[in-house]
N, C-alpha and C. Protein backbone atom coordinates (compact mmCIF):
# COMPACT_ATOMS: atom_id res chain seq x y z
N UNK A 1 -53.12 275.26 -18.51
CA UNK A 1 -52.34 274.45 -17.60
C UNK A 1 -52.17 273.05 -18.19
N UNK A 2 -50.95 272.65 -18.40
CA UNK A 2 -50.65 271.33 -18.95
C UNK A 2 -50.48 270.34 -17.80
N UNK A 3 -50.90 269.12 -18.05
CA UNK A 3 -50.72 268.10 -17.02
C UNK A 3 -50.54 266.75 -17.66
N UNK A 4 -49.83 265.84 -16.99
CA UNK A 4 -49.68 264.48 -17.54
C UNK A 4 -51.04 263.80 -17.62
N UNK A 5 -51.27 263.06 -18.66
CA UNK A 5 -52.51 262.35 -18.89
C UNK A 5 -52.25 260.87 -18.67
N UNK A 6 -53.30 260.07 -18.64
CA UNK A 6 -53.18 258.65 -18.32
C UNK A 6 -52.23 257.89 -19.24
N UNK A 7 -52.03 258.33 -20.46
CA UNK A 7 -51.14 257.62 -21.39
C UNK A 7 -49.80 258.34 -21.51
N UNK A 8 -49.41 259.07 -20.49
CA UNK A 8 -48.12 259.76 -20.40
C UNK A 8 -47.96 260.88 -21.42
N UNK A 9 -49.06 261.40 -21.95
CA UNK A 9 -49.01 262.53 -22.86
C UNK A 9 -49.27 263.81 -22.07
N UNK A 10 -48.60 264.88 -22.44
CA UNK A 10 -48.94 266.18 -21.87
C UNK A 10 -50.26 266.60 -22.48
N UNK A 11 -51.18 267.07 -21.65
CA UNK A 11 -52.49 267.45 -22.18
C UNK A 11 -52.97 268.73 -21.50
N UNK A 12 -53.93 269.34 -22.13
CA UNK A 12 -54.60 270.49 -21.55
C UNK A 12 -56.09 270.37 -21.83
N UNK A 13 -56.90 270.94 -20.98
CA UNK A 13 -58.34 270.90 -21.18
C UNK A 13 -58.81 272.27 -21.66
N UNK A 14 -59.70 272.24 -22.65
CA UNK A 14 -60.31 273.45 -23.19
C UNK A 14 -61.81 273.31 -22.92
N UNK A 15 -62.35 274.25 -22.13
CA UNK A 15 -63.72 274.11 -21.64
C UNK A 15 -64.46 275.43 -21.80
N UNK A 16 -65.73 275.33 -22.21
CA UNK A 16 -66.65 276.47 -22.14
C UNK A 16 -68.01 275.94 -21.73
N UNK A 17 -69.05 276.77 -21.84
CA UNK A 17 -70.37 276.35 -21.40
C UNK A 17 -71.00 275.28 -22.29
N UNK A 18 -70.42 275.02 -23.47
CA UNK A 18 -71.01 274.08 -24.42
C UNK A 18 -70.28 272.74 -24.49
N UNK A 19 -68.99 272.74 -24.20
CA UNK A 19 -68.21 271.51 -24.38
C UNK A 19 -66.94 271.56 -23.54
N UNK A 20 -66.37 270.38 -23.33
CA UNK A 20 -65.09 270.26 -22.64
C UNK A 20 -64.29 269.18 -23.35
N UNK A 21 -63.09 269.54 -23.79
CA UNK A 21 -62.22 268.59 -24.48
C UNK A 21 -60.83 268.60 -23.85
N UNK A 22 -60.16 267.48 -23.99
CA UNK A 22 -58.76 267.36 -23.59
C UNK A 22 -57.96 267.26 -24.88
N UNK A 23 -56.89 268.04 -24.98
CA UNK A 23 -56.08 268.09 -26.19
C UNK A 23 -54.64 267.73 -25.84
N UNK A 24 -54.06 266.85 -26.65
CA UNK A 24 -52.65 266.47 -26.45
C UNK A 24 -52.04 266.09 -27.79
N UNK A 25 -50.72 266.01 -27.82
CA UNK A 25 -50.03 265.58 -29.03
C UNK A 25 -49.63 264.13 -28.84
N UNK A 26 -50.02 263.30 -29.80
CA UNK A 26 -49.75 261.87 -29.76
C UNK A 26 -48.56 261.59 -30.69
N UNK A 27 -47.49 261.05 -30.12
CA UNK A 27 -46.28 260.74 -30.90
C UNK A 27 -46.14 259.25 -31.18
N UNK A 28 -47.18 258.47 -30.92
CA UNK A 28 -47.06 257.01 -31.04
C UNK A 28 -47.11 256.51 -32.48
N UNK A 29 -47.65 257.28 -33.41
CA UNK A 29 -47.75 256.83 -34.80
C UNK A 29 -46.49 257.16 -35.59
N UNK A 30 -46.62 257.15 -36.91
CA UNK A 30 -45.48 257.47 -37.78
C UNK A 30 -45.10 258.94 -37.71
N UNK A 31 -46.06 259.78 -37.38
CA UNK A 31 -45.79 261.21 -37.23
C UNK A 31 -46.71 261.75 -36.14
N UNK A 32 -46.37 262.89 -35.56
CA UNK A 32 -47.22 263.44 -34.50
C UNK A 32 -48.62 263.78 -35.00
N UNK A 33 -49.58 263.54 -34.14
CA UNK A 33 -50.97 263.90 -34.43
C UNK A 33 -51.57 264.55 -33.20
N UNK A 34 -52.60 265.35 -33.41
CA UNK A 34 -53.31 265.98 -32.30
C UNK A 34 -54.42 265.04 -31.85
N UNK A 35 -54.43 264.72 -30.57
CA UNK A 35 -55.47 263.87 -29.99
C UNK A 35 -56.45 264.79 -29.27
N UNK A 36 -57.71 264.74 -29.69
CA UNK A 36 -58.76 265.53 -29.07
C UNK A 36 -59.78 264.56 -28.48
N UNK A 37 -60.03 264.69 -27.16
CA UNK A 37 -60.95 263.79 -26.47
C UNK A 37 -62.10 264.58 -25.87
N UNK A 38 -63.33 264.17 -26.14
CA UNK A 38 -64.50 264.77 -25.52
C UNK A 38 -64.57 264.25 -24.09
N UNK A 39 -64.46 265.14 -23.12
CA UNK A 39 -64.42 264.73 -21.72
C UNK A 39 -65.75 264.11 -21.28
N UNK A 40 -66.86 264.61 -21.78
CA UNK A 40 -68.17 264.11 -21.37
C UNK A 40 -68.42 262.69 -21.86
N UNK A 41 -68.12 262.42 -23.14
CA UNK A 41 -68.47 261.12 -23.72
C UNK A 41 -67.31 260.15 -23.81
N UNK A 42 -66.08 260.66 -23.76
CA UNK A 42 -64.92 259.81 -23.95
C UNK A 42 -64.57 259.59 -25.41
N UNK A 43 -65.38 260.11 -26.33
CA UNK A 43 -65.08 259.99 -27.76
C UNK A 43 -63.79 260.75 -28.06
N UNK A 44 -63.02 260.25 -29.04
CA UNK A 44 -61.77 260.92 -29.37
C UNK A 44 -61.49 260.84 -30.86
N UNK A 45 -60.58 261.70 -31.30
CA UNK A 45 -60.16 261.71 -32.69
C UNK A 45 -58.69 262.09 -32.74
N UNK A 46 -57.95 261.47 -33.66
CA UNK A 46 -56.58 261.84 -33.94
C UNK A 46 -56.57 262.64 -35.24
N UNK A 47 -55.98 263.82 -35.22
CA UNK A 47 -55.95 264.68 -36.39
C UNK A 47 -54.52 264.86 -36.87
N UNK A 48 -54.29 264.56 -38.14
CA UNK A 48 -52.96 264.71 -38.74
C UNK A 48 -52.72 266.17 -39.11
N UNK A 49 -51.47 266.53 -39.40
CA UNK A 49 -51.19 267.91 -39.81
C UNK A 49 -52.01 268.36 -41.03
N UNK A 50 -52.24 267.48 -41.99
CA UNK A 50 -53.02 267.88 -43.18
C UNK A 50 -54.47 268.15 -42.80
N UNK A 51 -55.01 267.36 -41.87
CA UNK A 51 -56.38 267.61 -41.42
C UNK A 51 -56.47 268.92 -40.65
N UNK A 52 -55.46 269.21 -39.83
CA UNK A 52 -55.45 270.47 -39.09
C UNK A 52 -55.31 271.66 -40.02
N UNK A 53 -54.45 271.53 -41.04
CA UNK A 53 -54.29 272.62 -42.01
C UNK A 53 -55.59 272.87 -42.75
N UNK A 54 -56.34 271.81 -43.04
CA UNK A 54 -57.61 271.99 -43.77
C UNK A 54 -58.62 272.75 -42.92
N UNK A 55 -58.54 272.63 -41.59
CA UNK A 55 -59.43 273.40 -40.72
C UNK A 55 -59.21 274.90 -40.92
N UNK A 56 -57.95 275.27 -41.13
CA UNK A 56 -57.62 276.69 -41.32
C UNK A 56 -58.17 277.23 -42.64
N UNK A 57 -58.35 276.37 -43.62
CA UNK A 57 -58.81 276.79 -44.94
C UNK A 57 -60.32 276.68 -45.10
N UNK A 58 -61.01 276.14 -44.11
CA UNK A 58 -62.45 275.94 -44.19
C UNK A 58 -63.20 277.27 -44.15
N UNK A 59 -64.32 277.30 -44.83
CA UNK A 59 -65.18 278.49 -44.82
C UNK A 59 -66.06 278.48 -43.57
N UNK A 60 -66.66 279.59 -43.23
CA UNK A 60 -67.62 279.60 -42.11
C UNK A 60 -68.76 278.61 -42.32
N UNK A 61 -69.19 278.42 -43.57
CA UNK A 61 -70.26 277.46 -43.86
C UNK A 61 -69.80 276.04 -43.58
N UNK A 62 -68.55 275.74 -43.93
CA UNK A 62 -67.99 274.41 -43.64
C UNK A 62 -68.03 274.16 -42.13
N UNK A 63 -67.57 275.13 -41.37
CA UNK A 63 -67.52 274.97 -39.91
C UNK A 63 -68.92 274.84 -39.32
N UNK A 64 -69.89 275.54 -39.86
CA UNK A 64 -71.26 275.41 -39.39
C UNK A 64 -71.78 274.00 -39.63
N UNK A 65 -71.46 273.42 -40.79
CA UNK A 65 -71.87 272.04 -41.07
C UNK A 65 -71.25 271.06 -40.08
N UNK A 66 -70.02 271.30 -39.63
CA UNK A 66 -69.37 270.41 -38.68
C UNK A 66 -70.11 270.38 -37.35
N UNK A 67 -70.77 271.47 -37.00
CA UNK A 67 -71.49 271.54 -35.73
C UNK A 67 -72.81 270.78 -35.78
N UNK A 68 -73.25 270.39 -36.95
CA UNK A 68 -74.53 269.70 -37.10
C UNK A 68 -74.35 268.20 -36.93
N UNK A 69 -73.87 267.82 -35.75
CA UNK A 69 -73.69 266.40 -35.40
C UNK A 69 -74.20 266.18 -33.99
N UNK A 70 -74.35 264.94 -33.63
CA UNK A 70 -74.78 264.60 -32.27
C UNK A 70 -76.08 265.29 -31.90
N UNK A 71 -76.07 265.92 -30.74
CA UNK A 71 -77.28 266.58 -30.24
C UNK A 71 -77.71 267.75 -31.10
N UNK A 72 -76.81 268.25 -31.94
CA UNK A 72 -77.12 269.41 -32.77
C UNK A 72 -77.51 269.04 -34.20
N UNK A 73 -77.62 267.75 -34.48
CA UNK A 73 -77.96 267.29 -35.83
C UNK A 73 -79.40 267.66 -36.15
N UNK A 74 -79.61 268.21 -37.33
CA UNK A 74 -80.97 268.50 -37.77
C UNK A 74 -81.66 267.19 -38.12
N UNK A 75 -82.94 267.12 -37.83
CA UNK A 75 -83.67 265.91 -38.21
C UNK A 75 -83.73 265.86 -39.73
N UNK A 76 -83.39 264.71 -40.29
CA UNK A 76 -83.34 264.56 -41.74
C UNK A 76 -84.24 263.41 -42.16
N UNK A 77 -85.52 263.67 -42.14
CA UNK A 77 -86.46 262.62 -42.51
C UNK A 77 -86.49 262.46 -44.03
N UNK A 78 -86.82 261.25 -44.55
CA UNK A 78 -86.89 261.04 -45.99
C UNK A 78 -87.90 261.97 -46.66
N UNK A 79 -88.99 262.30 -45.97
CA UNK A 79 -89.99 263.19 -46.55
C UNK A 79 -89.39 264.57 -46.77
N UNK A 80 -88.71 265.08 -45.78
CA UNK A 80 -88.10 266.40 -45.90
C UNK A 80 -87.04 266.41 -46.99
N UNK A 81 -86.19 265.38 -47.04
CA UNK A 81 -85.13 265.31 -48.04
C UNK A 81 -85.72 265.28 -49.45
N UNK A 82 -86.76 264.47 -49.68
CA UNK A 82 -87.35 264.40 -51.02
C UNK A 82 -88.03 265.69 -51.38
N UNK A 83 -88.58 266.38 -50.39
CA UNK A 83 -89.22 267.67 -50.67
C UNK A 83 -88.19 268.70 -51.09
N UNK A 84 -86.96 268.56 -50.58
CA UNK A 84 -85.91 269.52 -50.92
C UNK A 84 -85.20 269.18 -52.22
N UNK A 85 -85.15 267.89 -52.58
CA UNK A 85 -84.37 267.48 -53.75
C UNK A 85 -85.20 266.85 -54.86
N UNK A 86 -86.46 266.59 -54.59
CA UNK A 86 -87.30 265.88 -55.56
C UNK A 86 -87.82 266.78 -56.66
N UNK A 87 -88.71 266.25 -57.50
CA UNK A 87 -89.28 267.01 -58.59
C UNK A 87 -89.99 268.27 -58.07
N UNK A 88 -89.75 269.36 -58.74
CA UNK A 88 -90.40 270.60 -58.37
C UNK A 88 -89.70 271.36 -57.25
N UNK A 89 -88.56 270.84 -56.80
CA UNK A 89 -87.82 271.53 -55.74
C UNK A 89 -87.28 272.85 -56.26
N UNK A 90 -87.29 273.84 -55.42
CA UNK A 90 -86.77 275.16 -55.78
C UNK A 90 -85.26 275.16 -55.61
N UNK A 91 -84.52 275.85 -56.47
CA UNK A 91 -83.08 275.96 -56.30
C UNK A 91 -82.72 277.37 -55.95
């Protein structure tokens, strides 16, 4: 269901048990971009066509890395990092 948004953009909400976002097309720049807004936090991002096309070419591993942000970020302590990359680290 599309509806007018506060900045006069047509938008739709995409929601599941993990997240809720509002998606709309922003025509205010030099070219159209996709505006994605996190409904819970208000954080947003504008994605250009090249950025959107790159999402289609990403591997499953790439997409898994994208999920490792915010509340889902793995703890990355200096001790753990040096143990993984320092002398004697296994490859």
